């Protein structure tokens, strides 16, 4: 047995074999050439007698060490490995939970507003809208103190609300009439609307500021068309099976210029409903002065056809 093999053997049998006295390994058997005094050389096989004796001693040491070696447990991880594994997994779960919570925190208010929007009554309170300037506060006072508003608030046939305040705050900035066009010099306060439960009649009041003009001092005609499109649609929504529709056609007749810096009234009536289709007419008028009778001066008229999508029942409602 060579030195390298002997080292491997010692490591295999353990400390017991090291305490056993083993004589040096003899040279292995080999072929040798013997010179026969000038005669023809003879090739002989040399083998040591001690080799067989060493094999016997080696076998005795191995046989005595095998029971001890076999009693040593193999591939059994220490208990600390299990504790370390449990600790790593636990810390990973905690870190993932904290990271997900911190990442989702900004979206939680929007999700809460989307899942539980304010009621119609709540949109009329200061909890969801507070005037930003004294001028805006005065416009708010004029709208709610006007005889038309007071009479509609007392009429049980109408449901009062501010629908744009039901849009989640994070999404409101991406809504044209509920966010982009809102502001002190634009639509100063959220429009106040009154709808009937059957979708037959609609009334809304909104202030149009100087930042909404096309010509100086005159409100842009495209904005008036937008207000009529949205108002006529909201009028017929309750009359449709799934309370939602898209504009199929819209016709606008401009009667008089609409001057900026005033409160205008939008009135609409649903004239016909057939399945998923609804026809609506409406008009924009000036707000009558206190003591005046009638609707005020007609500024713009419109009529539209709205069609409910075929898969409206499966569509997500973002704006009520």
C-alpha atoms as a PDB file:
ATOM      1  CA  UNK A   1       0.000   0.000   0.000  1.00  0.00           C
ATOM      2  CA  UNK A   2       1.466   3.310  -1.062  1.00  0.00           C
ATOM      3  CA  UNK A   3       1.643   6.375   1.226  1.00  0.00           C
ATOM      4  CA  UNK A   4      -1.303   8.088  -0.515  1.00  0.00           C
ATOM      5  CA  UNK A   5      -3.467   5.012  -0.188  1.00  0.00           C
ATOM      6  CA  UNK A   6      -2.424   4.648   3.413  1.00  0.00           C
ATOM      7  CA  UNK A   7      -3.510   8.206   4.222  1.00  0.00           C
ATOM      8  CA  UNK A   8      -6.915   7.576   2.665  1.00  0.00           C
ATOM      9  CA  UNK A   9      -7.182   4.338   4.577  1.00  0.00           C
ATOM     10  CA  UNK A  10      -6.414   6.095   7.890  1.00  0.00           C
ATOM     11  CA  UNK A  11      -9.059   8.692   7.262  1.00  0.00           C
ATOM     12  CA  UNK A  12     -11.603   5.984   6.520  1.00  0.00           C
ATOM     13  CA  UNK A  13     -11.133   3.775   9.573  1.00  0.00           C
ATOM     14  CA  UNK A  14     -10.935   6.630  12.108  1.00  0.00           C
ATOM     15  CA  UNK A  15      -8.848   7.226  15.217  1.00  0.00           C
ATOM     16  CA  UNK A  16      -8.888   3.565  16.241  1.00  0.00           C
ATOM     17  CA  UNK A  17      -6.805   2.582  13.288  1.00  0.00           C
ATOM     18  CA  UNK A  18      -4.293   5.314  14.059  1.00  0.00           C
ATOM     19  CA  UNK A  19      -3.693   3.850  17.527  1.00  0.00           C
ATOM     20  CA  UNK A  20      -2.963   0.442  16.006  1.00  0.00           C
ATOM     21  CA  UNK A  21       0.672  -0.146  15.296  1.00  0.00           C
ATOM     22  CA  UNK A  22       1.181  -0.938  11.638  1.00  0.00           C
ATOM     23  CA  UNK A  23       4.568  -1.836  10.259  1.00  0.00           C
ATOM     24  CA  UNK A  24       5.881  -0.045   7.202  1.00  0.00           C
ATOM     25  CA  UNK A  25       4.507  -1.270   3.971  1.00  0.00           C
ATOM     26  CA  UNK A  26       6.870  -3.497   2.053  1.00  0.00           C
ATOM     27  CA  UNK A  27       7.581  -2.949  -1.539  1.00  0.00           C
ATOM     28  CA  UNK A  28       5.089  -4.513  -3.802  1.00  0.00           C
ATOM     29  CA  UNK A  29       5.928  -7.542  -5.881  1.00  0.00           C
ATOM     30  CA  UNK A  30       7.633  -6.780  -9.123  1.00  0.00           C
ATOM     31  CA  UNK A  31       9.589  -8.354 -11.930  1.00  0.00           C
ATOM     32  CA  UNK A  32      13.327  -8.403 -11.458  1.00  0.00           C
ATOM     33  CA  UNK A  33      16.410  -9.347 -13.464  1.00  0.00           C
ATOM     34  CA  UNK A  34      19.125 -11.399 -11.747  1.00  0.00           C
ATOM     35  CA  UNK A  35      22.642 -11.518 -13.112  1.00  0.00           C
ATOM     36  CA  UNK A  36      24.021 -15.064 -13.015  1.00  0.00           C
ATOM     37  CA  UNK A  37      27.729 -14.397 -13.211  1.00  0.00           C
ATOM     38  CA  UNK A  38      28.040 -13.748 -16.874  1.00  0.00           C
ATOM     39  CA  UNK A  39      25.531 -16.285 -17.830  1.00  0.00           C
ATOM     40  CA  UNK A  40      22.281 -15.481 -19.536  1.00  0.00           C
ATOM     41  CA  UNK A  41      20.233 -13.064 -17.336  1.00  0.00           C
ATOM     42  CA  UNK A  42      17.183 -14.587 -15.723  1.00  0.00           C
ATOM     43  CA  UNK A  43      13.887 -12.771 -15.200  1.00  0.00           C
ATOM     44  CA  UNK A  44      12.219 -13.780 -11.945  1.00  0.00           C
ATOM     45  CA  UNK A  45       9.092 -12.686 -10.009  1.00  0.00           C
ATOM     46  CA  UNK A  46       9.966 -11.158  -6.668  1.00  0.00           C
ATOM     47  CA  UNK A  47       7.368 -11.308  -3.924  1.00  0.00           C
ATOM     48  CA  UNK A  48       7.840 -10.545  -0.252  1.00  0.00           C
ATOM     49  CA  UNK A  49       6.635 -12.955   2.377  1.00  0.00           C
ATOM     50  CA  UNK A  50       5.898 -10.038   4.707  1.00  0.00           C
ATOM     51  CA  UNK A  51       3.325  -8.786   2.242  1.00  0.00           C
ATOM     52  CA  UNK A  52       0.898 -11.568   3.037  1.00  0.00           C
ATOM     53  CA  UNK A  53       1.458 -10.966   6.745  1.00  0.00           C
ATOM     54  CA  UNK A  54       0.715  -7.287   6.385  1.00  0.00           C
ATOM     55  CA  UNK A  55      -2.482  -8.050   4.492  1.00  0.00           C
ATOM     56  CA  UNK A  56      -3.623 -10.130   7.426  1.00  0.00           C
ATOM     57  CA  UNK A  57      -2.846  -7.375   9.980  1.00  0.00           C
ATOM     58  CA  UNK A  58      -4.536  -4.812   7.787  1.00  0.00           C
ATOM     59  CA  UNK A  59      -7.634  -6.965   7.504  1.00  0.00           C
ATOM     60  CA  UNK A  60      -7.839  -7.325  11.295  1.00  0.00           C
ATOM     61  CA  UNK A  61      -7.671  -3.548  11.788  1.00  0.00           C
ATOM     62  CA  UNK A  62     -10.373  -2.926   9.179  1.00  0.00           C
ATOM     63  CA  UNK A  63     -12.643  -5.612  10.631  1.00  0.00           C
ATOM     64  CA  UNK A  64     -12.317  -4.127  14.133  1.00  0.00           C
ATOM     65  CA  UNK A  65     -12.999  -0.582  12.902  1.00  0.00           C
ATOM     66  CA  UNK A  66     -16.049  -1.342  10.720  1.00  0.00           C
ATOM     67  CA  UNK A  67     -18.595  -1.591  13.596  1.00  0.00           C
ATOM     68  CA  UNK A  68     -17.493   1.805  14.922  1.00  0.00           C
ATOM     69  CA  UNK A  69     -17.539   3.385  11.471  1.00  0.00           C
ATOM     70  CA  UNK A  70     -20.964   1.964  10.698  1.00  0.00           C
ATOM     71  CA  UNK A  71     -22.360   3.316  13.982  1.00  0.00           C
ATOM     72  CA  UNK A  72     -21.550   6.918  13.012  1.00  0.00           C
ATOM     73  CA  UNK A  73     -24.732   8.593  11.555  1.00  0.00           C
ATOM     74  CA  UNK A  74     -24.376   9.692   7.953  1.00  0.00           C
ATOM     75  CA  UNK A  75     -25.931  12.733   6.221  1.00  0.00           C
ATOM     76  CA  UNK A  76     -27.763  13.940   9.339  1.00  0.00           C
ATOM     77  CA  UNK A  77     -27.827  17.746   9.305  1.00  0.00           C
ATOM     78  CA  UNK A  78     -27.272  19.384  12.658  1.00  0.00           C
ATOM     79  CA  UNK A  79     -30.165  20.995  14.478  1.00  0.00           C
ATOM     80  CA  UNK A  80     -28.723  24.448  13.886  1.00  0.00           C
ATOM     81  CA  UNK A  81     -29.270  24.018  10.150  1.00  0.00           C
ATOM     82  CA  UNK A  82     -33.023  23.604  10.705  1.00  0.00           C
ATOM     83  CA  UNK A  83     -33.127  26.656  12.953  1.00  0.00           C
ATOM     84  CA  UNK A  84     -31.191  28.698  10.421  1.00  0.00           C
ATOM     85  CA  UNK A  85     -33.500  27.580   7.612  1.00  0.00           C
ATOM     86  CA  UNK A  86     -36.613  28.483   9.634  1.00  0.00           C
ATOM     87  CA  UNK A  87     -35.159  31.873  10.533  1.00  0.00           C
ATOM     88  CA  UNK A  88     -34.276  32.685   6.922  1.00  0.00           C
ATOM     89  CA  UNK A  89     -37.740  31.712   5.659  1.00  0.00           C
ATOM     90  CA  UNK A  90     -39.449  33.729   8.392  1.00  0.00           C
ATOM     91  CA  UNK A  91     -37.375  36.836   7.734  1.00  0.00           C
ATOM     92  CA  UNK A  92     -38.023  36.503   3.993  1.00  0.00           C
ATOM     93  CA  UNK A  93     -41.787  36.375   4.524  1.00  0.00           C
ATOM     94  CA  UNK A  94     -41.700  39.364   6.874  1.00  0.00           C
ATOM     95  CA  UNK A  95     -39.542  41.402   4.484  1.00  0.00           C
ATOM     96  CA  UNK A  96     -41.798  40.572   1.518  1.00  0.00           C
ATOM     97  CA  UNK A  97     -44.911  41.529   3.490  1.00  0.00           C
ATOM     98  CA  UNK A  98     -43.428  44.842   4.604  1.00  0.00           C
ATOM     99  CA  UNK A  99     -42.194  45.644   1.097  1.00  0.00           C
ATOM    100  CA  UNK A 100     -45.552  44.848  -0.486  1.00  0.00           C
ATOM    101  CA  UNK A 101     -47.375  46.936   2.120  1.00  0.00           C
ATOM    102  CA  UNK A 102     -45.097  49.934   1.584  1.00  0.00           C
ATOM    103  CA  UNK A 103     -45.408  49.655  -2.200  1.00  0.00           C
ATOM    104  CA  UNK A 104     -49.200  49.363  -2.092  1.00  0.00           C
ATOM    105  CA  UNK A 105     -49.716  52.078   0.522  1.00  0.00           C
ATOM    106  CA  UNK A 106     -50.139  54.944  -2.017  1.00  0.00           C
ATOM    107  CA  UNK A 107     -52.846  52.973  -3.856  1.00  0.00           C
ATOM    108  CA  UNK A 108     -54.862  52.092  -0.756  1.00  0.00           C
ATOM    109  CA  UNK A 109     -56.824  55.401  -0.571  1.00  0.00           C
ATOM    110  CA  UNK A 110     -57.771  55.151  -4.265  1.00  0.00           C
ATOM    111  CA  UNK A 111     -58.839  51.531  -3.824  1.00  0.00           C
ATOM    112  CA  UNK A 112     -60.888  52.450  -0.763  1.00  0.00           C
ATOM    113  CA  UNK A 113     -62.586  55.336  -2.610  1.00  0.00           C
ATOM    114  CA  UNK A 114     -63.302  53.089  -5.583  1.00  0.00           C
ATOM    115  CA  UNK A 115     -64.765  50.247  -3.510  1.00  0.00           C
ATOM    116  CA  UNK A 116     -66.803  52.503  -1.208  1.00  0.00           C
ATOM    117  CA  UNK A 117     -67.607  55.818  -2.941  1.00  0.00           C
ATOM    118  CA  UNK A 118     -69.507  58.486  -1.008  1.00  0.00           C
ATOM    119  CA  UNK A 119     -73.288  58.478  -1.128  1.00  0.00           C
ATOM    120  CA  UNK A 120     -75.353  61.129  -2.892  1.00  0.00           C
ATOM    121  CA  UNK A 121     -76.016  62.881   0.406  1.00  0.00           C
ATOM    122  CA  UNK A 122     -72.340  62.817   1.399  1.00  0.00           C
ATOM    123  CA  UNK A 123     -71.285  64.552  -1.832  1.00  0.00           C
ATOM    124  CA  UNK A 124     -73.332  67.590  -0.786  1.00  0.00           C
ATOM    125  CA  UNK A 125     -71.371  68.118   2.440  1.00  0.00           C
ATOM    126  CA  UNK A 126     -68.150  70.022   3.057  1.00  0.00           C
ATOM    127  CA  UNK A 127     -66.411  66.735   3.810  1.00  0.00           C
ATOM    128  CA  UNK A 128     -65.775  66.114   0.103  1.00  0.00           C
ATOM    129  CA  UNK A 129     -65.513  69.689  -1.188  1.00  0.00           C
ATOM    130  CA  UNK A 130     -64.220  72.811   0.516  1.00  0.00           C
ATOM    131  CA  UNK A 131     -64.011  76.137  -1.378  1.00  0.00           C
ATOM    132  CA  UNK A 132     -60.396  77.121  -1.934  1.00  0.00           C
ATOM    133  CA  UNK A 133     -60.926  80.912  -2.092  1.00  0.00           C
ATOM    134  CA  UNK A 134     -63.521  83.409  -0.848  1.00  0.00           C
ATOM    135  CA  UNK A 135     -64.682  83.890  -4.446  1.00  0.00           C
ATOM    136  CA  UNK A 136     -65.347  80.170  -4.823  1.00  0.00           C
ATOM    137  CA  UNK A 137     -67.138  80.150  -1.458  1.00  0.00           C
ATOM    138  CA  UNK A 138     -69.408  82.946  -2.707  1.00  0.00           C
ATOM    139  CA  UNK A 139     -70.257  80.981  -5.865  1.00  0.00           C
ATOM    140  CA  UNK A 140     -71.070  77.970  -3.692  1.00  0.00           C
ATOM    141  CA  UNK A 141     -73.368  80.101  -1.549  1.00  0.00           C
ATOM    142  CA  UNK A 142     -75.169  81.558  -4.583  1.00  0.00           C
ATOM    143  CA  UNK A 143     -75.908  78.115  -5.996  1.00  0.00           C
ATOM    144  CA  UNK A 144     -77.269  76.616  -2.781  1.00  0.00           C
ATOM    145  CA  UNK A 145     -79.212  79.717  -1.755  1.00  0.00           C
ATOM    146  CA  UNK A 146     -80.983  80.217  -5.084  1.00  0.00           C
ATOM    147  CA  UNK A 147     -84.754  79.552  -5.064  1.00  0.00           C
ATOM    148  CA  UNK A 148     -84.394  76.986  -7.876  1.00  0.00           C
ATOM    149  CA  UNK A 149     -81.921  74.944  -5.832  1.00  0.00           C
ATOM    150  CA  UNK A 150     -83.998  75.149  -2.680  1.00  0.00           C
ATOM    151  CA  UNK A 151     -87.133  74.037  -4.492  1.00  0.00           C
ATOM    152  CA  UNK A 152     -85.375  71.067  -6.121  1.00  0.00           C
ATOM    153  CA  UNK A 153     -83.833  70.010  -2.806  1.00  0.00           C
ATOM    154  CA  UNK A 154     -87.320  69.888  -1.303  1.00  0.00           C
ATOM    155  CA  UNK A 155     -88.866  68.025  -4.238  1.00  0.00           C
ATOM    156  CA  UNK A 156     -89.102  64.292  -3.389  1.00  0.00           C
ATOM    157  CA  UNK A 157     -89.056  63.384  -7.090  1.00  0.00           C
ATOM    158  CA  UNK A 158     -85.443  64.519  -7.483  1.00  0.00           C
ATOM    159  CA  UNK A 159     -82.212  63.011  -6.156  1.00  0.00           C
ATOM    160  CA  UNK A 160     -79.545  65.639  -5.464  1.00  0.00           C
ATOM    161  CA  UNK A 161     -75.844  64.823  -5.778  1.00  0.00           C
ATOM    162  CA  UNK A 162     -72.459  65.925  -7.035  1.00  0.00           C
ATOM    163  CA  UNK A 163     -71.440  62.920  -9.158  1.00  0.00           C
ATOM    164  CA  UNK A 164     -67.902  64.125  -9.885  1.00  0.00           C
ATOM    165  CA  UNK A 165     -67.071  63.865  -6.180  1.00  0.00           C
ATOM    166  CA  UNK A 166     -67.700  60.115  -6.384  1.00  0.00           C
ATOM    167  CA  UNK A 167     -64.676  59.721  -8.637  1.00  0.00           C
ATOM    168  CA  UNK A 168     -61.661  58.522  -6.594  1.00  0.00           C
ATOM    169  CA  UNK A 169     -59.352  61.425  -5.839  1.00  0.00           C
ATOM    170  CA  UNK A 170     -56.394  59.770  -7.593  1.00  0.00           C
ATOM    171  CA  UNK A 171     -58.451  59.325 -10.776  1.00  0.00           C
ATOM    172  CA  UNK A 172     -60.164  62.705 -10.687  1.00  0.00           C
ATOM    173  CA  UNK A 173     -57.197  64.503 -12.228  1.00  0.00           C
ATOM    174  CA  UNK A 174     -57.614  62.333 -15.345  1.00  0.00           C
ATOM    175  CA  UNK A 175     -61.312  63.184 -15.746  1.00  0.00           C
ATOM    176  CA  UNK A 176     -62.157  66.100 -18.067  1.00  0.00           C
ATOM    177  CA  UNK A 177     -65.167  67.678 -16.363  1.00  0.00           C
ATOM    178  CA  UNK A 178     -64.381  66.320 -12.901  1.00  0.00           C
ATOM    179  CA  UNK A 179     -60.699  67.273 -12.765  1.00  0.00           C
ATOM    180  CA  UNK A 180     -59.109  68.994 -15.766  1.00  0.00           C
ATOM    181  CA  UNK A 181     -61.836  71.642 -16.112  1.00  0.00           C
ATOM    182  CA  UNK A 182     -62.242  72.162 -12.364  1.00  0.00           C
ATOM    183  CA  UNK A 183     -60.720  75.281 -10.809  1.00  0.00           C
ATOM    184  CA  UNK A 184     -61.414  78.811  -9.581  1.00  0.00           C
ATOM    185  CA  UNK A 185     -61.400  80.369 -13.085  1.00  0.00           C
ATOM    186  CA  UNK A 186     -62.966  77.348 -14.797  1.00  0.00           C
ATOM    187  CA  UNK A 187     -65.791  75.213 -13.415  1.00  0.00           C
ATOM    188  CA  UNK A 188     -65.315  76.740  -9.990  1.00  0.00           C
ATOM    189  CA  UNK A 189     -67.410  74.274  -7.981  1.00  0.00           C
ATOM    190  CA  UNK A 190     -68.480  70.686  -8.738  1.00  0.00           C
ATOM    191  CA  UNK A 191     -71.729  70.752 -10.738  1.00  0.00           C
ATOM    192  CA  UNK A 192     -74.854  70.176  -8.654  1.00  0.00           C
ATOM    193  CA  UNK A 193     -77.323  67.826 -10.343  1.00  0.00           C
ATOM    194  CA  UNK A 194     -80.892  66.671  -9.731  1.00  0.00           C
ATOM    195  CA  UNK A 195     -82.106  63.444 -11.356  1.00  0.00           C
ATOM    196  CA  UNK A 196     -85.322  61.464 -11.232  1.00  0.00           C
ATOM    197  CA  UNK A 197     -85.312  57.800 -10.355  1.00  0.00           C
ATOM    198  CA  UNK A 198     -86.853  56.773 -13.671  1.00  0.00           C
ATOM    199  CA  UNK A 199     -84.420  58.851 -15.759  1.00  0.00           C
ATOM    200  CA  UNK A 200     -87.082  61.106 -17.252  1.00  0.00           C
ATOM    201  CA  UNK A 201     -85.813  64.541 -16.144  1.00  0.00           C
ATOM    202  CA  UNK A 202     -82.484  66.108 -15.247  1.00  0.00           C
ATOM    203  CA  UNK A 203     -81.387  69.532 -13.938  1.00  0.00           C
ATOM    204  CA  UNK A 204     -77.855  70.735 -13.104  1.00  0.00           C
ATOM    205  CA  UNK A 205     -76.210  74.000 -12.125  1.00  0.00           C
ATOM    206  CA  UNK A 206     -72.579  74.930 -12.855  1.00  0.00           C
ATOM    207  CA  UNK A 207     -70.444  78.046 -12.838  1.00  0.00           C
ATOM    208  CA  UNK A 208     -68.384  78.804 -15.974  1.00  0.00           C
ATOM    209  CA  UNK A 209     -65.296  80.949 -15.374  1.00  0.00           C
ATOM    210  CA  UNK A 210     -63.187  83.144 -17.680  1.00  0.00           C
ATOM    211  CA  UNK A 211     -60.577  80.423 -18.306  1.00  0.00           C
ATOM    212  CA  UNK A 212     -63.105  78.487 -20.416  1.00  0.00           C
ATOM    213  CA  UNK A 213     -63.414  81.052 -23.186  1.00  0.00           C
ATOM    214  CA  UNK A 214     -62.887  80.682 -26.912  1.00  0.00           C
ATOM    215  CA  UNK A 215     -63.320  84.348 -27.752  1.00  0.00           C
ATOM    216  CA  UNK A 216     -62.600  86.868 -24.978  1.00  0.00           C
ATOM    217  CA  UNK A 217     -65.416  86.770 -22.464  1.00  0.00           C
ATOM    218  CA  UNK A 218     -67.385  84.112 -24.399  1.00  0.00           C
ATOM    219  CA  UNK A 219     -67.394  80.477 -23.274  1.00  0.00           C
ATOM    220  CA  UNK A 220     -66.008  78.054 -25.857  1.00  0.00           C
ATOM    221  CA  UNK A 221     -68.665  76.242 -27.889  1.00  0.00           C
ATOM    222  CA  UNK A 222     -66.824  72.944 -27.503  1.00  0.00           C
ATOM    223  CA  UNK A 223     -67.178  73.178 -23.736  1.00  0.00           C
ATOM    224  CA  UNK A 224     -70.921  73.805 -24.078  1.00  0.00           C
ATOM    225  CA  UNK A 225     -71.199  70.700 -26.280  1.00  0.00           C
ATOM    226  CA  UNK A 226     -69.280  68.712 -23.655  1.00  0.00           C
ATOM    227  CA  UNK A 227     -71.619  69.853 -20.889  1.00  0.00           C
ATOM    228  CA  UNK A 228     -74.682  68.941 -22.957  1.00  0.00           C
ATOM    229  CA  UNK A 229     -73.224  65.563 -23.922  1.00  0.00           C
ATOM    230  CA  UNK A 230     -72.557  64.659 -20.310  1.00  0.00           C
ATOM    231  CA  UNK A 231     -75.789  66.118 -18.938  1.00  0.00           C
ATOM    232  CA  UNK A 232     -78.053  64.436 -21.483  1.00  0.00           C
ATOM    233  CA  UNK A 233     -76.296  61.120 -20.845  1.00  0.00           C
ATOM    234  CA  UNK A 234     -76.772  61.374 -17.088  1.00  0.00           C
ATOM    235  CA  UNK A 235     -80.431  62.112 -17.674  1.00  0.00           C
ATOM    236  CA  UNK A 236     -81.139  58.786 -19.414  1.00  0.00           C
ATOM    237  CA  UNK A 237     -78.797  56.528 -17.434  1.00  0.00           C
ATOM    238  CA  UNK A 238     -81.462  55.476 -14.875  1.00  0.00           C
ATOM    239  CA  UNK A 239     -83.833  54.503 -17.722  1.00  0.00           C
ATOM    240  CA  UNK A 240     -81.417  51.972 -19.251  1.00  0.00           C
ATOM    241  CA  UNK A 241     -81.082  48.329 -18.111  1.00  0.00           C
ATOM    242  CA  UNK A 242     -77.522  48.672 -16.770  1.00  0.00           C
ATOM    243  CA  UNK A 243     -77.503  52.442 -16.111  1.00  0.00           C
ATOM    244  CA  UNK A 244     -74.703  53.241 -18.553  1.00  0.00           C
ATOM    245  CA  UNK A 245     -74.456  54.227 -22.228  1.00  0.00           C
ATOM    246  CA  UNK A 246     -72.216  55.810 -24.839  1.00  0.00           C
ATOM    247  CA  UNK A 247     -73.000  58.639 -27.223  1.00  0.00           C
ATOM    248  CA  UNK A 248     -74.144  57.501 -30.670  1.00  0.00           C
ATOM    249  CA  UNK A 249     -75.050  60.951 -32.012  1.00  0.00           C
ATOM    250  CA  UNK A 250     -75.160  64.519 -30.710  1.00  0.00           C
ATOM    251  CA  UNK A 251     -76.649  67.602 -32.364  1.00  0.00           C
ATOM    252  CA  UNK A 252     -75.974  71.103 -30.991  1.00  0.00           C
ATOM    253  CA  UNK A 253     -77.754  74.368 -31.834  1.00  0.00           C
ATOM    254  CA  UNK A 254     -76.070  77.509 -30.488  1.00  0.00           C
ATOM    255  CA  UNK A 255     -78.730  80.135 -29.830  1.00  0.00           C
ATOM    256  CA  UNK A 256     -76.852  82.899 -28.037  1.00  0.00           C
ATOM    257  CA  UNK A 257     -73.304  83.512 -26.831  1.00  0.00           C
ATOM    258  CA  UNK A 258     -72.671  82.256 -23.318  1.00  0.00           C
ATOM    259  CA  UNK A 259     -70.820  84.889 -21.349  1.00  0.00           C
ATOM    260  CA  UNK A 260     -68.192  83.731 -18.872  1.00  0.00           C
ATOM    261  CA  UNK A 261     -68.456  84.340 -15.157  1.00  0.00           C
ATOM    262  CA  UNK A 262     -72.034  83.174 -14.615  1.00  0.00           C
ATOM    263  CA  UNK A 263     -74.030  80.202 -13.343  1.00  0.00           C
ATOM    264  CA  UNK A 264     -75.866  78.297 -16.075  1.00  0.00           C
ATOM    265  CA  UNK A 265     -78.637  75.722 -15.797  1.00  0.00           C
ATOM    266  CA  UNK A 266     -78.765  72.528 -17.865  1.00  0.00           C
ATOM    267  CA  UNK A 267     -82.177  70.898 -18.271  1.00  0.00           C
ATOM    268  CA  UNK A 268     -82.792  67.592 -20.056  1.00  0.00           C
ATOM    269  CA  UNK A 269     -85.659  65.175 -20.711  1.00  0.00           C
ATOM    270  CA  UNK A 270     -85.605  61.588 -21.953  1.00  0.00           C
ATOM    271  CA  UNK A 271     -88.099  61.460 -24.827  1.00  0.00           C
ATOM    272  CA  UNK A 272     -87.916  57.776 -25.806  1.00  0.00           C
ATOM    273  CA  UNK A 273     -86.336  54.506 -24.649  1.00  0.00           C
ATOM    274  CA  UNK A 274     -86.165  51.333 -26.751  1.00  0.00           C
ATOM    275  CA  UNK A 275     -84.193  48.481 -25.226  1.00  0.00           C
ATOM    276  CA  UNK A 276     -80.593  49.674 -25.051  1.00  0.00           C
ATOM    277  CA  UNK A 277     -81.313  52.972 -26.850  1.00  0.00           C
ATOM    278  CA  UNK A 278     -82.406  56.284 -25.356  1.00  0.00           C
ATOM    279  CA  UNK A 279     -83.226  59.612 -27.029  1.00  0.00           C
ATOM    280  CA  UNK A 280     -82.713  62.774 -24.971  1.00  0.00           C
ATOM    281  CA  UNK A 281     -83.197  66.519 -25.559  1.00  0.00           C
ATOM    282  CA  UNK A 282     -81.808  69.360 -23.469  1.00  0.00           C
ATOM    283  CA  UNK A 283     -80.776  72.997 -23.259  1.00  0.00           C
ATOM    284  CA  UNK A 284     -78.488  75.381 -21.424  1.00  0.00           C
ATOM    285  CA  UNK A 285     -80.149  78.471 -19.954  1.00  0.00           C
ATOM    286  CA  UNK A 286     -79.209  81.390 -17.775  1.00  0.00           C
ATOM    287  CA  UNK A 287     -80.013  81.169 -14.080  1.00  0.00           C
ATOM    288  CA  UNK A 288     -83.235  83.123 -13.479  1.00  0.00           C
ATOM    289  CA  UNK A 289     -82.920  86.024 -11.110  1.00  0.00           C
ATOM    290  CA  UNK A 290     -84.749  85.802  -7.823  1.00  0.00           C
ATOM    291  CA  UNK A 291     -88.393  86.673  -8.375  1.00  0.00           C
ATOM    292  CA  UNK A 292     -88.316  85.832 -12.097  1.00  0.00           C
ATOM    293  CA  UNK A 293     -90.563  83.110 -13.433  1.00  0.00           C
ATOM    294  CA  UNK A 294     -89.623  80.640 -16.113  1.00  0.00           C
ATOM    295  CA  UNK A 295     -86.404  78.888 -16.985  1.00  0.00           C
ATOM    296  CA  UNK A 296     -84.295  81.818 -18.084  1.00  0.00           C
ATOM    297  CA  UNK A 297     -82.823  82.631 -21.491  1.00  0.00           C
ATOM    298  CA  UNK A 298     -82.051  79.651 -23.735  1.00  0.00           C
ATOM    299  CA  UNK A 299     -78.382  79.730 -24.758  1.00  0.00           C
ATOM    300  CA  UNK A 300     -77.729  76.355 -26.405  1.00  0.00           C
ATOM    301  CA  UNK A 301     -79.916  73.394 -27.337  1.00  0.00           C
ATOM    302  CA  UNK A 302     -79.008  69.791 -28.034  1.00  0.00           C
ATOM    303  CA  UNK A 303     -80.409  66.352 -28.743  1.00  0.00           C
ATOM    304  CA  UNK A 304     -78.635  63.023 -28.581  1.00  0.00           C
ATOM    305  CA  UNK A 305     -78.969  59.282 -28.991  1.00  0.00           C
ATOM    306  CA  UNK A 306     -77.316  57.059 -26.396  1.00  0.00           C
ATOM    307  CA  UNK A 307     -76.793  53.295 -26.706  1.00  0.00           C
ATOM    308  CA  UNK A 308     -75.928  50.930 -23.907  1.00  0.00           C
ATOM    309  CA  UNK A 309     -73.026  48.565 -24.805  1.00  0.00           C
ATOM    310  CA  UNK A 310     -73.965  44.909 -25.296  1.00  0.00           C
ATOM    311  CA  UNK A 311     -71.704  43.763 -22.464  1.00  0.00           C
ATOM    312  CA  UNK A 312     -72.534  46.647 -20.136  1.00  0.00           C
ATOM    313  CA  UNK A 313     -73.465  44.254 -17.336  1.00  0.00           C
ATOM    314  CA  UNK A 314     -69.855  43.039 -17.127  1.00  0.00           C
ATOM    315  CA  UNK A 315     -68.291  46.510 -17.361  1.00  0.00           C
ATOM    316  CA  UNK A 316     -66.708  48.116 -14.318  1.00  0.00           C
ATOM    317  CA  UNK A 317     -68.395  51.332 -13.261  1.00  0.00           C
ATOM    318  CA  UNK A 318     -65.884  54.050 -12.350  1.00  0.00           C
ATOM    319  CA  UNK A 319     -68.225  57.039 -12.419  1.00  0.00           C
ATOM    320  CA  UNK A 320     -71.798  56.824 -11.176  1.00  0.00           C
END
